[in-house]
N, C-alpha and C. Protein backbone atom coordinates (compact mmCIF):
# COMPACT_ATOMS: atom_id res chain seq x y z
N MET A 1 2.97 8.65 14.19
CA MET A 1 1.88 8.75 13.26
C MET A 1 0.94 7.56 13.45
N VAL A 2 -0.32 7.81 13.55
CA VAL A 2 -1.31 6.75 13.68
C VAL A 2 -1.84 6.44 12.29
N ILE A 3 -1.83 5.18 11.93
CA ILE A 3 -2.30 4.77 10.61
C ILE A 3 -3.76 4.33 10.73
N PRO A 4 -4.68 5.01 10.00
CA PRO A 4 -6.08 4.60 10.05
C PRO A 4 -6.25 3.22 9.42
N LEU A 5 -7.18 2.45 9.96
CA LEU A 5 -7.45 1.13 9.41
C LEU A 5 -8.34 1.24 8.18
N HIS A 6 -7.77 1.00 7.03
CA HIS A 6 -8.47 0.98 5.76
C HIS A 6 -9.43 2.16 5.57
N PRO A 7 -8.93 3.41 5.48
CA PRO A 7 -9.81 4.55 5.30
C PRO A 7 -10.56 4.51 3.96
N VAL A 8 -10.01 3.84 2.96
CA VAL A 8 -10.68 3.65 1.68
C VAL A 8 -11.01 2.19 1.56
N PRO A 9 -12.28 1.85 1.29
CA PRO A 9 -12.65 0.43 1.21
C PRO A 9 -11.82 -0.30 0.16
N LEU A 10 -11.27 -1.42 0.55
CA LEU A 10 -10.52 -2.27 -0.37
C LEU A 10 -11.24 -3.60 -0.48
N VAL A 11 -11.60 -3.99 -1.68
CA VAL A 11 -12.32 -5.22 -1.91
C VAL A 11 -11.32 -6.30 -2.32
N ASP A 12 -11.30 -7.39 -1.57
CA ASP A 12 -10.31 -8.45 -1.82
C ASP A 12 -10.38 -9.03 -3.23
N ASP A 13 -11.57 -9.16 -3.78
CA ASP A 13 -11.67 -9.79 -5.09
C ASP A 13 -11.62 -8.76 -6.23
N ASP A 14 -11.27 -7.53 -5.93
CA ASP A 14 -11.20 -6.49 -6.93
C ASP A 14 -9.85 -6.55 -7.64
N PRO A 15 -9.83 -6.94 -8.91
CA PRO A 15 -8.56 -7.09 -9.61
C PRO A 15 -7.97 -5.78 -10.13
N ILE A 16 -8.64 -4.67 -9.85
CA ILE A 16 -8.16 -3.38 -10.36
C ILE A 16 -6.82 -3.04 -9.74
N LEU A 17 -5.90 -2.59 -10.56
CA LEU A 17 -4.60 -2.17 -10.10
C LEU A 17 -4.64 -0.69 -9.75
N VAL A 18 -3.96 -0.31 -8.69
CA VAL A 18 -3.94 1.09 -8.27
C VAL A 18 -2.51 1.62 -8.28
N GLY A 19 -2.34 2.91 -8.46
CA GLY A 19 -1.02 3.53 -8.47
C GLY A 19 -0.60 3.96 -7.08
N ILE A 20 0.59 4.55 -7.00
CA ILE A 20 1.16 4.94 -5.71
C ILE A 20 0.30 5.97 -4.99
N GLU A 21 -0.34 6.88 -5.72
CA GLU A 21 -1.19 7.88 -5.09
C GLU A 21 -2.41 7.23 -4.43
N GLN A 22 -3.00 6.25 -5.10
CA GLN A 22 -4.13 5.55 -4.52
C GLN A 22 -3.70 4.67 -3.35
N MET A 23 -2.48 4.13 -3.42
CA MET A 23 -1.96 3.36 -2.28
C MET A 23 -1.84 4.26 -1.06
N ALA A 24 -1.36 5.47 -1.27
CA ALA A 24 -1.21 6.42 -0.18
C ALA A 24 -2.58 6.77 0.41
N ALA A 25 -3.55 7.02 -0.45
CA ALA A 25 -4.89 7.36 0.02
C ALA A 25 -5.51 6.20 0.81
N ALA A 26 -5.30 4.97 0.33
CA ALA A 26 -5.90 3.80 0.97
C ALA A 26 -5.25 3.47 2.31
N THR A 27 -3.95 3.74 2.43
CA THR A 27 -3.24 3.36 3.66
C THR A 27 -3.13 4.50 4.66
N GLY A 28 -3.30 5.74 4.18
CA GLY A 28 -3.12 6.89 5.05
C GLY A 28 -1.66 7.29 5.18
N LEU A 29 -0.79 6.65 4.42
CA LEU A 29 0.64 6.97 4.43
C LEU A 29 0.96 7.91 3.27
N PRO A 30 1.90 8.83 3.46
CA PRO A 30 2.31 9.69 2.35
C PRO A 30 2.99 8.88 1.25
N VAL A 31 2.90 9.36 0.02
CA VAL A 31 3.55 8.72 -1.11
C VAL A 31 5.04 8.55 -0.82
N ARG A 32 5.65 9.57 -0.27
CA ARG A 32 7.09 9.53 0.02
C ARG A 32 7.43 8.40 1.00
N THR A 33 6.57 8.20 2.00
CA THR A 33 6.79 7.12 2.97
C THR A 33 6.68 5.76 2.30
N LEU A 34 5.69 5.59 1.44
CA LEU A 34 5.55 4.32 0.72
C LEU A 34 6.77 4.04 -0.15
N ARG A 35 7.27 5.06 -0.81
CA ARG A 35 8.47 4.89 -1.63
C ARG A 35 9.67 4.53 -0.76
N TYR A 36 9.79 5.17 0.40
CA TYR A 36 10.88 4.88 1.33
C TYR A 36 10.79 3.43 1.83
N LEU A 37 9.60 3.02 2.26
CA LEU A 37 9.42 1.65 2.75
C LEU A 37 9.75 0.64 1.66
N ARG A 38 9.36 0.95 0.45
CA ARG A 38 9.67 0.05 -0.67
C ARG A 38 11.18 -0.05 -0.87
N ALA A 39 11.87 1.08 -0.80
CA ALA A 39 13.32 1.08 -0.97
C ALA A 39 14.02 0.30 0.13
N GLN A 40 13.41 0.27 1.33
CA GLN A 40 13.98 -0.46 2.46
C GLN A 40 13.59 -1.94 2.44
N GLY A 41 12.75 -2.33 1.48
CA GLY A 41 12.30 -3.72 1.39
C GLY A 41 11.14 -4.02 2.31
N GLU A 42 10.49 -2.99 2.86
CA GLU A 42 9.37 -3.19 3.78
C GLU A 42 8.05 -2.72 3.19
N GLY A 43 8.06 -2.20 2.00
CA GLY A 43 6.85 -1.65 1.39
C GLY A 43 5.98 -2.71 0.76
N PRO A 44 4.85 -2.28 0.23
CA PRO A 44 3.95 -3.23 -0.43
C PRO A 44 4.62 -3.84 -1.67
N PRO A 45 4.25 -5.07 -2.00
CA PRO A 45 4.87 -5.77 -3.14
C PRO A 45 4.35 -5.24 -4.47
N CYS A 46 4.94 -4.18 -4.95
CA CYS A 46 4.50 -3.52 -6.18
C CYS A 46 5.20 -4.07 -7.41
N SER A 47 4.57 -3.85 -8.55
CA SER A 47 5.20 -4.12 -9.84
C SER A 47 5.47 -2.76 -10.48
N LYS A 48 6.41 -2.74 -11.41
CA LYS A 48 6.73 -1.49 -12.06
C LYS A 48 6.82 -1.70 -13.57
N PRO A 49 5.65 -1.81 -14.23
CA PRO A 49 5.66 -1.94 -15.68
C PRO A 49 5.79 -0.56 -16.32
N GLY A 50 6.99 -0.14 -16.58
CA GLY A 50 7.19 1.22 -17.09
C GLY A 50 7.61 2.14 -15.96
N ARG A 51 6.97 3.29 -15.86
CA ARG A 51 7.36 4.30 -14.88
C ARG A 51 6.56 4.29 -13.59
N HIS A 52 5.45 3.58 -13.54
CA HIS A 52 4.55 3.68 -12.41
C HIS A 52 4.50 2.41 -11.58
N LEU A 53 4.42 2.57 -10.26
CA LEU A 53 4.23 1.43 -9.36
C LEU A 53 2.76 1.08 -9.32
N ILE A 54 2.47 -0.21 -9.41
CA ILE A 54 1.09 -0.67 -9.33
C ILE A 54 1.02 -1.88 -8.41
N ILE A 55 -0.19 -2.14 -7.91
CA ILE A 55 -0.40 -3.28 -7.02
C ILE A 55 -1.88 -3.64 -7.07
N ARG A 56 -2.16 -4.89 -6.89
CA ARG A 56 -3.57 -5.31 -6.79
C ARG A 56 -4.10 -4.88 -5.43
N ARG A 57 -5.37 -4.49 -5.40
CA ARG A 57 -5.98 -4.05 -4.14
C ARG A 57 -5.89 -5.11 -3.06
N SER A 58 -6.08 -6.36 -3.42
CA SER A 58 -6.02 -7.43 -2.43
C SER A 58 -4.62 -7.56 -1.84
N GLU A 59 -3.59 -7.37 -2.67
CA GLU A 59 -2.22 -7.44 -2.17
C GLU A 59 -1.91 -6.26 -1.26
N LEU A 60 -2.45 -5.08 -1.59
CA LEU A 60 -2.25 -3.91 -0.75
C LEU A 60 -2.90 -4.10 0.61
N ARG A 61 -4.08 -4.67 0.60
CA ARG A 61 -4.78 -4.92 1.86
C ARG A 61 -4.01 -5.91 2.73
N GLN A 62 -3.49 -6.97 2.11
CA GLN A 62 -2.72 -7.96 2.85
C GLN A 62 -1.45 -7.34 3.43
N TRP A 63 -0.75 -6.53 2.63
CA TRP A 63 0.45 -5.87 3.12
C TRP A 63 0.11 -4.93 4.28
N LEU A 64 -0.97 -4.17 4.15
CA LEU A 64 -1.35 -3.23 5.21
C LEU A 64 -1.69 -3.98 6.49
N ASP A 65 -2.42 -5.07 6.38
CA ASP A 65 -2.74 -5.88 7.56
C ASP A 65 -1.46 -6.39 8.23
N ASP A 66 -0.53 -6.91 7.45
CA ASP A 66 0.74 -7.40 8.00
C ASP A 66 1.55 -6.27 8.61
N TYR A 67 1.57 -5.12 7.95
CA TYR A 67 2.31 -3.95 8.41
C TYR A 67 1.77 -3.48 9.77
N LEU A 68 0.46 -3.45 9.90
CA LEU A 68 -0.15 -3.02 11.16
C LEU A 68 0.07 -4.03 12.27
N LYS A 69 0.08 -5.30 11.92
CA LYS A 69 0.33 -6.34 12.94
C LYS A 69 1.75 -6.25 13.50
N LYS A 70 2.69 -5.81 12.66
CA LYS A 70 4.07 -5.64 13.11
C LYS A 70 4.23 -4.45 14.05
N GLY A 71 3.22 -3.59 14.11
CA GLY A 71 3.30 -2.44 15.00
C GLY A 71 4.09 -1.28 14.42
N ARG A 72 4.22 -1.25 13.10
CA ARG A 72 4.95 -0.14 12.47
C ARG A 72 4.13 1.13 12.58
N LYS A 73 4.82 2.24 12.76
CA LYS A 73 4.14 3.53 12.86
C LYS A 73 4.83 4.55 12.00
């Protein structure tokens, strides 16, 4: 699977938190894959206040950059 580079613009100084569906849209990865990576300790550094995973856009961008540098597919 080829991961597109930032298909949805992510602004580093944007403090808005996004859910797992938006993470999937921004990274091009399926929700299920993101959940799997998180369970393996390789996913984005999410918080879980209640039932939903959330992350700051800047943290998602940093994780995606690091993930792509590692050559994960």
